[in-house]
Protein backbone atom coordinates (compact mmCIF):
# COMPACT_ATOMS: atom_id res chain seq x y z
CA MET A 1 77.56 41.56 20.80
CA ALA A 2 75.64 38.28 20.38
CA SER A 3 74.25 36.92 17.12
CA THR A 4 70.57 37.45 16.20
CA TYR A 5 68.27 35.34 14.01
CA THR A 6 65.78 35.98 11.24
CA PRO A 7 62.16 34.63 11.56
CA LEU A 8 63.24 31.64 9.41
CA GLY A 9 66.30 30.83 11.57
CA ILE A 10 69.24 32.34 9.63
CA GLU A 11 71.94 33.47 12.04
CA LYS A 12 73.06 37.10 11.75
CA GLN A 13 76.56 37.01 13.22
CA ALA A 14 77.82 40.03 15.11
CA THR A 15 81.16 41.64 14.24
CA GLY A 16 84.07 39.73 15.70
CA GLU A 17 81.92 36.89 16.99
CA ASN A 18 82.20 33.15 16.38
CA ALA A 19 85.93 33.02 15.93
CA GLY A 20 86.87 29.61 14.67
CA THR A 21 83.24 28.67 13.89
CA TRP A 22 82.33 31.48 11.54
CA GLY A 23 82.75 29.29 8.43
CA THR A 24 80.59 26.49 9.83
CA LYS A 25 77.83 28.87 10.78
CA THR A 26 78.01 30.53 7.38
CA ASN A 27 77.67 27.16 5.68
CA THR A 28 74.63 26.38 7.84
CA ASN A 29 73.09 29.71 6.88
CA LEU A 30 73.64 28.87 3.21
CA GLU A 31 71.95 25.51 3.68
CA ILE A 32 68.96 27.21 5.35
CA VAL A 33 68.75 29.64 2.42
CA GLU A 34 68.84 26.67 0.04
CA GLN A 35 65.96 25.06 1.97
CA ILE A 36 63.96 28.27 1.80
CA SER A 37 64.57 28.75 -1.91
CA GLY A 38 63.71 25.24 -3.10
CA GLY A 39 63.56 22.70 -0.33
CA TYR A 40 60.86 20.03 0.06
CA VAL A 41 59.60 18.48 3.26
CA ALA A 42 56.69 16.19 4.23
CA GLN A 43 54.84 17.28 7.35
CA ALA A 44 52.47 14.96 9.22
CA VAL A 45 49.30 16.79 10.33
CA ALA A 46 47.83 15.83 13.69
CA ASP A 47 44.18 14.70 13.69
CA SER A 48 43.59 16.46 17.00
CA GLY A 49 44.42 20.10 17.66
CA ASP A 50 46.75 22.27 15.60
CA THR A 51 50.07 21.27 14.10
CA THR A 52 52.58 23.96 15.08
CA LEU A 53 55.57 24.74 12.85
CA SER A 54 58.48 26.27 14.79
CA VAL A 55 61.66 28.02 13.72
CA SER A 56 65.07 26.36 14.38
CA ASP A 57 67.47 29.24 14.96
CA GLY A 58 70.85 28.59 13.39
CA SER A 59 70.11 25.05 12.21
CA THR A 60 68.59 23.32 9.21
CA GLY A 61 65.51 21.08 9.11
CA ALA A 62 62.72 23.42 10.27
CA THR A 63 59.57 22.62 8.23
CA LEU A 64 58.59 26.28 7.89
CA ALA A 65 62.02 27.04 6.31
CA HIS A 66 61.25 24.95 3.20
CA ARG A 67 59.69 26.09 -0.05
CA VAL A 68 57.48 23.03 -0.68
CA LEU A 69 55.40 21.60 2.18
CA GLU A 70 53.50 18.35 1.62
CA PHE A 71 50.98 17.61 4.37
CA THR A 72 50.44 13.95 5.21
CA GLY A 73 48.44 11.93 7.73
CA SER A 74 44.88 10.68 8.12
CA LEU A 75 42.29 13.30 9.06
CA THR A 76 38.68 13.05 10.22
CA ALA A 77 38.09 16.84 10.17
CA SER A 78 39.64 20.03 8.83
CA ARG A 79 42.90 20.75 10.71
CA ASN A 80 45.17 23.80 11.18
CA VAL A 81 48.91 24.09 10.54
CA THR A 82 50.32 27.24 12.18
CA ILE A 83 53.45 29.38 11.82
CA PRO A 84 54.86 32.18 14.05
CA LEU A 85 53.51 35.74 13.58
CA ASP A 86 56.78 37.13 12.17
CA VAL A 87 57.38 34.56 9.37
CA GLN A 88 57.42 36.15 5.93
CA ASN A 89 57.76 33.73 3.02
CA PHE A 90 55.89 32.07 0.17
CA TYR A 91 55.11 28.34 -0.04
CA PHE A 92 53.91 25.60 -2.33
CA LEU A 93 51.42 23.73 -0.12
CA LYS A 94 50.09 20.28 -1.06
CA ASN A 95 47.36 18.47 0.88
CA ALA A 96 48.27 14.78 0.56
CA THR A 97 46.33 13.68 3.65
CA SER A 98 43.73 10.90 3.55
CA GLY A 99 40.15 11.35 4.72
CA SER A 100 39.04 14.06 2.25
CA GLN A 101 39.61 16.90 4.73
CA ASN A 102 41.03 20.42 4.30
CA VAL A 103 44.29 21.66 5.77
CA VAL A 104 44.26 25.33 6.85
CA PHE A 105 47.66 27.08 6.80
CA LYS A 106 47.56 30.07 9.15
CA TYR A 107 49.40 32.21 11.64
CA ALA A 108 49.47 30.94 15.22
CA THR A 109 47.17 33.67 16.53
CA GLY A 110 45.18 36.64 15.32
CA THR A 111 42.32 37.13 12.92
CA GLY A 112 44.25 37.57 9.70
CA THR A 113 43.52 35.64 6.50
CA SER A 114 44.59 32.02 6.02
CA ALA A 115 45.17 29.59 3.14
CA THR A 116 42.81 26.62 2.88
CA VAL A 117 44.26 23.67 0.96
CA ALA A 118 41.56 21.25 -0.19
CA ASN A 119 42.28 17.53 -0.06
CA GLY A 120 44.40 16.46 -3.02
CA LYS A 121 45.08 20.07 -4.09
CA THR A 122 48.15 22.29 -4.26
CA VAL A 123 48.17 26.06 -3.71
CA ILE A 124 50.75 28.82 -3.60
CA ALA A 125 50.46 30.82 -0.38
CA TYR A 126 52.44 33.80 0.79
CA ALA A 127 52.74 34.68 4.45
CA LYS A 128 52.91 38.47 4.59
CA ALA A 129 53.78 39.18 8.25
CA ASP A 130 52.09 42.50 7.57
CA ASP A 131 50.74 43.03 11.06
CA GLY A 132 52.21 42.37 14.47
CA THR A 133 48.91 41.00 15.81
CA ASN A 134 46.76 39.90 12.86
CA PRO A 135 49.03 39.12 9.89
CA GLY A 136 47.49 37.56 6.78
CA ILE A 137 48.24 34.69 4.42
CA ASP A 138 47.02 35.02 0.83
CA THR A 139 46.95 32.53 -2.05
CA ILE A 140 47.84 32.78 -5.72
CA SER A 141 45.68 31.10 -8.34
CA LEU A 142 47.59 29.64 -11.28
CA ALA A 143 46.29 28.10 -14.52
CA SER A 144 47.43 24.50 -14.92
CA ASP A 145 47.07 21.66 -17.39
CA LEU A 146 44.21 19.44 -16.26
CA VAL A 147 46.10 16.38 -17.44
CA ASP A 148 48.29 16.78 -14.37
CA ASP A 149 45.29 16.65 -12.04
CA THR A 150 43.58 13.26 -11.99
CA THR A 151 40.66 14.55 -9.89
CA PRO A 152 40.04 18.18 -10.96
CA GLN A 153 37.18 20.11 -9.35
CA LEU A 154 35.47 23.37 -10.24
CA GLY A 155 35.03 26.15 -7.73
CA GLY A 156 32.48 27.92 -9.94
CA ASN A 157 30.82 27.85 -13.36
CA LEU A 158 32.86 26.57 -16.31
CA ASP A 159 32.95 29.15 -19.11
CA THR A 160 34.36 27.64 -22.32
CA ASN A 161 34.84 31.14 -23.81
CA SER A 162 33.49 30.12 -27.25
CA PHE A 163 35.70 26.99 -27.29
CA MET A 164 34.57 23.37 -27.08
CA ILE A 165 35.20 20.40 -24.84
CA ASP A 166 36.65 17.57 -26.93
CA PHE A 167 36.16 13.89 -26.08
CA ASP A 168 38.17 11.01 -27.47
CA ASP A 169 36.23 8.16 -29.09
CA ALA A 170 34.02 6.25 -26.65
CA HIS A 171 34.83 8.54 -23.71
CA GLY A 172 32.35 10.54 -21.71
CA ILE A 173 31.16 11.70 -18.32
CA ARG A 174 31.24 9.53 -15.19
CA ASP A 175 29.18 9.76 -12.01
CA GLU A 176 30.57 10.21 -8.50
CA SER A 177 31.11 6.44 -8.22
CA GLY A 178 33.23 6.30 -11.36
CA ASN A 179 30.53 4.72 -13.55
CA GLU A 180 30.49 6.04 -17.12
CA GLN A 181 26.99 7.41 -17.74
CA LEU A 182 27.21 9.73 -20.76
CA ILE A 183 29.40 8.46 -23.62
CA PHE A 184 30.28 10.49 -26.73
CA GLU A 185 31.10 8.29 -29.70
CA THR A 186 32.20 8.80 -33.31
CA THR A 187 31.57 6.07 -35.85
CA GLY A 188 33.73 5.39 -38.89
CA SER A 189 31.26 7.31 -41.05
CA ALA A 190 31.61 10.38 -38.79
CA VAL A 191 28.03 10.08 -37.47
CA ASN A 192 28.21 11.31 -33.89
CA PHE A 193 25.90 9.99 -31.19
CA VAL A 194 25.62 9.90 -27.41
CA ASP A 195 25.15 6.75 -25.34
CA ILE A 196 23.39 7.13 -21.99
CA THR A 197 24.10 4.20 -19.68
CA ASN A 198 23.42 3.17 -16.12
CA SER A 199 26.24 0.77 -15.39
CA ALA A 200 25.74 1.20 -11.64
CA THR A 201 22.26 -0.38 -11.42
CA GLY A 202 21.47 -1.60 -14.92
CA ALA A 203 18.15 0.28 -14.80
CA GLY A 204 16.97 2.38 -17.74
CA PRO A 205 18.66 5.81 -17.94
CA GLN A 206 16.52 8.92 -17.48
CA ILE A 207 16.60 12.46 -18.82
CA GLY A 208 14.37 15.01 -17.13
CA ALA A 209 13.85 17.76 -14.59
CA ASN A 210 14.69 16.88 -11.01
CA GLY A 211 15.38 18.48 -7.65
CA SER A 212 13.12 21.41 -6.77
CA ASP A 213 11.73 21.85 -10.29
CA THR A 214 7.96 21.40 -10.68
CA ASN A 215 5.69 21.22 -13.74
CA VAL A 216 8.60 21.40 -16.18
CA SER A 217 8.17 20.14 -19.75
CA LEU A 218 10.92 18.28 -21.57
CA LYS A 219 11.20 19.70 -25.09
CA LEU A 220 12.95 17.96 -28.00
CA ARG A 221 13.48 19.92 -31.20
CA PRO A 222 15.03 18.70 -34.45
CA LYS A 223 16.75 21.02 -36.92
CA ALA A 224 14.87 22.33 -39.97
CA THR A 225 12.85 19.45 -41.52
CA GLY A 226 14.54 16.76 -39.42
CA ASN A 227 12.60 14.33 -37.24
CA ILE A 228 12.80 13.10 -33.68
CA GLU A 229 13.34 9.37 -34.18
CA ILE A 230 12.78 6.51 -31.74
CA MET A 231 15.38 3.99 -32.80
CA GLY A 232 14.79 0.26 -33.00
CA ALA A 233 17.15 -2.40 -31.66
CA THR A 234 16.25 -6.08 -31.17
CA ASN A 235 12.59 -5.01 -31.42
CA PRO A 236 10.92 -2.24 -33.47
CA GLY A 237 11.03 1.26 -31.97
CA SER A 238 8.38 1.96 -29.32
CA ILE A 239 7.15 4.92 -27.28
CA GLN A 240 5.90 3.90 -23.84
CA LEU A 241 3.48 6.18 -21.99
CA ASN A 242 3.59 5.39 -18.27
CA CYS A 243 1.13 5.91 -15.46
CA GLU A 244 1.94 8.52 -12.78
CA SER A 245 3.59 5.82 -10.62
CA ASN A 246 5.63 4.48 -13.55
CA SER A 247 4.47 0.95 -12.73
CA HIS A 248 2.31 0.48 -15.87
CA GLY A 249 2.48 1.84 -19.42
CA ILE A 250 1.08 1.53 -22.93
CA LYS A 251 3.20 1.40 -26.08
CA LEU A 252 3.04 2.78 -29.59
CA THR A 253 5.20 0.48 -31.72
CA SER A 254 6.52 0.64 -35.28
CA PRO A 255 5.84 -2.24 -37.74
CA PRO A 256 8.69 -4.79 -37.92
CA HIS A 257 11.55 -4.49 -40.41
CA SER A 258 10.12 -7.34 -42.50
CA SER A 259 7.05 -5.25 -43.45
CA ALA A 260 9.25 -2.52 -45.03
CA GLN A 261 6.79 0.22 -44.06
CA SER A 262 7.76 3.90 -44.10
CA TYR A 263 4.34 5.54 -44.32
CA GLU A 264 3.34 8.70 -42.46
CA LEU A 265 0.13 9.51 -40.58
CA LYS A 266 -0.86 13.14 -40.02
CA PHE A 267 -3.29 13.94 -37.22
CA PRO A 268 -6.60 15.74 -37.98
CA THR A 269 -6.62 19.48 -38.52
CA GLY A 270 -10.14 19.86 -37.08
CA ASN A 271 -11.32 20.06 -33.47
CA VAL A 272 -11.74 16.98 -31.30
CA THR A 273 -15.37 15.79 -31.37
CA ALA A 274 -17.10 13.30 -29.09
CA ASP A 275 -18.35 9.95 -30.44
CA ARG A 276 -16.00 10.05 -33.44
CA PHE A 277 -13.16 7.81 -34.57
CA LEU A 278 -9.92 8.36 -36.50
CA LYS A 279 -9.93 7.38 -40.14
CA VAL A 280 -7.62 7.97 -43.08
CA ALA A 281 -9.41 10.72 -45.00
CA SER A 282 -6.91 11.05 -47.86
CA VAL A 283 -3.56 9.67 -49.01
CA THR A 284 -0.69 11.46 -50.74
CA GLY A 285 1.57 9.12 -52.65
CA SER A 286 1.07 5.38 -52.30
CA GLY A 287 2.55 2.13 -51.13
CA THR A 288 4.94 1.82 -48.22
CA THR A 289 5.81 5.55 -48.29
CA GLY A 290 2.28 6.96 -48.55
CA VAL A 291 1.24 9.94 -46.40
CA GLY A 292 -2.20 9.57 -44.84
CA GLN A 293 -4.23 12.50 -43.53
CA LEU A 294 -6.37 11.45 -40.57
CA SER A 295 -9.76 12.94 -39.73
CA PHE A 296 -12.45 12.53 -37.08
CA ALA A 297 -15.32 10.49 -38.60
CA GLU A 298 -18.77 9.54 -37.34
CA VAL A 299 -19.49 5.90 -36.66
CA ALA A 300 -21.83 4.50 -39.33
CA GLY A 301 -23.97 1.35 -39.20
CA GLY A 302 -25.53 -0.45 -36.25
CA THR A 303 -28.82 0.29 -34.54
CA SER A 304 -29.36 2.41 -31.44
CA TRP A 305 -32.31 0.77 -29.68
CA GLN A 306 -34.73 2.98 -27.74
CA ALA A 307 -37.08 2.40 -24.82
CA VAL A 308 -40.52 0.90 -25.55
CA LYS A 309 -42.86 3.35 -27.32
CA THR A 310 -46.52 3.50 -26.17
CA SER A 311 -47.67 6.61 -28.05
CA THR A 312 -47.15 8.45 -31.33
CA PHE A 313 -43.56 9.59 -31.96
CA THR A 314 -41.15 10.79 -34.67
CA ALA A 315 -38.44 8.31 -35.62
CA VAL A 316 -34.72 9.14 -35.96
CA ALA A 317 -32.43 7.54 -38.54
CA GLY A 318 -30.18 4.84 -37.07
CA GLU A 319 -32.57 3.99 -34.21
CA GLY A 320 -34.67 0.90 -33.46
CA TYR A 321 -38.09 0.90 -31.73
CA PHE A 322 -40.08 -1.60 -29.66
CA ILE A 323 -43.68 -0.46 -30.24
CA ASN A 324 -46.44 -1.47 -27.75
CA THR A 325 -50.00 -1.08 -29.16
CA THR A 326 -51.70 -3.02 -26.34
CA SER A 327 -53.94 -0.06 -25.48
CA ASN A 328 -54.15 2.04 -28.63
CA VAL A 329 -52.98 2.53 -32.19
CA ILE A 330 -49.66 4.30 -32.61
CA THR A 331 -48.30 6.42 -35.44
CA MET A 332 -44.57 6.51 -36.22
CA ASN A 333 -43.69 9.68 -38.18
CA LEU A 334 -40.72 9.32 -40.52
CA PRO A 335 -37.97 11.99 -40.71
CA ALA A 336 -36.42 13.50 -43.84
CA GLY A 337 -34.06 10.85 -45.19
CA THR A 338 -30.53 10.54 -46.53
CA ILE A 339 -29.54 7.59 -48.69
CA GLY A 340 -28.66 4.61 -46.51
CA ASP A 341 -30.53 5.82 -43.41
CA GLU A 342 -32.26 2.97 -41.57
CA ILE A 343 -35.15 2.76 -39.06
CA VAL A 344 -36.09 -0.54 -37.37
CA PHE A 345 -39.45 -1.38 -35.68
CA ILE A 346 -40.81 -4.46 -33.85
CA ASP A 347 -44.30 -5.39 -32.48
CA TYR A 348 -43.42 -5.41 -28.77
CA ALA A 349 -46.56 -7.13 -27.33
CA GLY A 350 -47.85 -8.98 -30.45
CA THR A 351 -50.84 -6.61 -30.71
CA PHE A 352 -50.42 -5.05 -34.17
CA ASP A 353 -53.41 -7.20 -35.28
CA THR A 354 -55.59 -5.52 -32.63
CA TYR A 355 -54.26 -1.98 -32.69
CA ALA A 356 -52.27 -1.39 -35.87
CA LEU A 357 -49.07 0.61 -36.31
CA THR A 358 -49.36 3.49 -38.77
CA ILE A 359 -46.17 4.70 -40.46
CA ASP A 360 -46.61 8.28 -41.69
CA SER A 361 -44.34 9.80 -44.32
CA ASN A 362 -45.29 13.12 -42.66
CA GLY A 363 -45.80 14.80 -46.01
CA SER A 364 -42.07 15.25 -46.71
CA GLU A 365 -41.09 11.78 -47.91
CA LYS A 366 -42.55 8.76 -49.68
CA ILE A 367 -42.95 5.16 -48.57
CA ALA A 368 -42.35 2.61 -51.35
CA GLY A 369 -42.85 5.36 -53.92
CA SER A 370 -46.20 6.54 -52.43
CA THR A 371 -47.15 9.45 -50.18
CA ALA A 372 -49.85 7.28 -48.53
CA ASP A 373 -49.40 6.05 -44.96
CA LEU A 374 -48.26 2.46 -44.41
CA THR A 375 -50.36 0.35 -42.01
CA VAL A 376 -48.79 -2.64 -40.27
CA SER A 377 -51.38 -5.02 -38.76
CA VAL A 378 -49.53 -8.35 -38.61
CA GLU A 379 -48.98 -9.79 -35.13
CA ARG A 380 -45.29 -9.82 -34.11
CA ALA A 381 -44.33 -7.94 -37.27
CA GLY A 382 -40.86 -6.47 -37.45
CA ASN A 383 -38.97 -4.80 -40.28
CA THR A 384 -36.39 -2.25 -41.36
CA LEU A 385 -37.07 0.83 -43.46
CA VAL A 386 -34.15 2.00 -45.64
CA TYR A 387 -34.12 5.39 -47.37
CA THR A 388 -33.26 5.36 -51.09
CA ASP A 389 -34.09 8.66 -52.77
CA SER A 390 -36.92 11.17 -53.34
CA THR A 391 -38.59 8.88 -55.91
CA GLN A 392 -39.03 5.77 -53.80
CA GLY A 393 -38.36 7.23 -50.40
CA TRP A 394 -38.36 4.58 -47.59
CA LEU A 395 -38.40 0.92 -48.61
CA LEU A 396 -38.91 -2.20 -46.48
CA LYS A 397 -35.95 -4.55 -46.35
CA ASN A 398 -38.24 -7.60 -45.81
CA LYS A 399 -41.84 -7.97 -46.96
């Protein structure tokens, strides 16, 4: 009766066979077993078609009869490495090929499962030979120390399970080109801070929504009574507000260090109102650390000049009037006054001496302490009426 062989090439000698060579064959079998239990072999993977691993019956050296298989070669696409349908074993498979391609370890035929070994990775795979037509190969996931993997990759979300990720001093996160972009630092006084760099281009770093996000606000929130600070460097701290194309921008800038200013300005509590300006309405404290409350205030002073008047009208405080009496006398009725209100008038056509201007207190106010009307009959006359109080009423600035 002739010898038979296992799927991995170990010779099963028949009774009474191999006289004189039995010891040699036994030694070979032991060497094959040693290969299977802990042997290592490098296997070049072809960059075209499949790489087929075959059994070597009764002899050592078959790649598939080793425990550790390291795949080598230069690949331009994912390639298959196949084994016969009856092989049953487990392997440590390492993809050491160049070209960033996968190596797929599978049975020669059938639709069973296979083991995909990503470039630079190592997996444990067990060939089950569990079906004569479609056997499967499964993989075992093992936890490992990341320090042993110089290029670790995640296959899913990283859950820290209530633990933290620790960084050594001045170490951080690099981009895909190896440039360090986010640096976590600890100073001697234990004040932690994060440096954001752009060593690849030297352009200013950015934090914000990207990709498919639209209309997303960036929110910054301090803790408790803390502040969001814009730090200074060579120049005082500034906030720049850009246009929508980010080609122009305006700045809000802190006073320089030499001024030693630490004051605070609080925006108004009232509604925004047109034709108003911001002013400091009140101050809490004083000096360089004072707190100023801003408010919306009305612009005072100046004269709002109106179109030429050719008929009787009622004046408004703060306005100036060109009065044309070429065709008739005109009466200017005064309004109720508030101290400091001013009304300006000018003889537009030089005809006050022909048709006079009458200024009427309108029964509610006085003019120069009198309730009588004021008549202006001097050619090219011009003057300003200023309100004082209920005793004197409106007074002329120039007489």
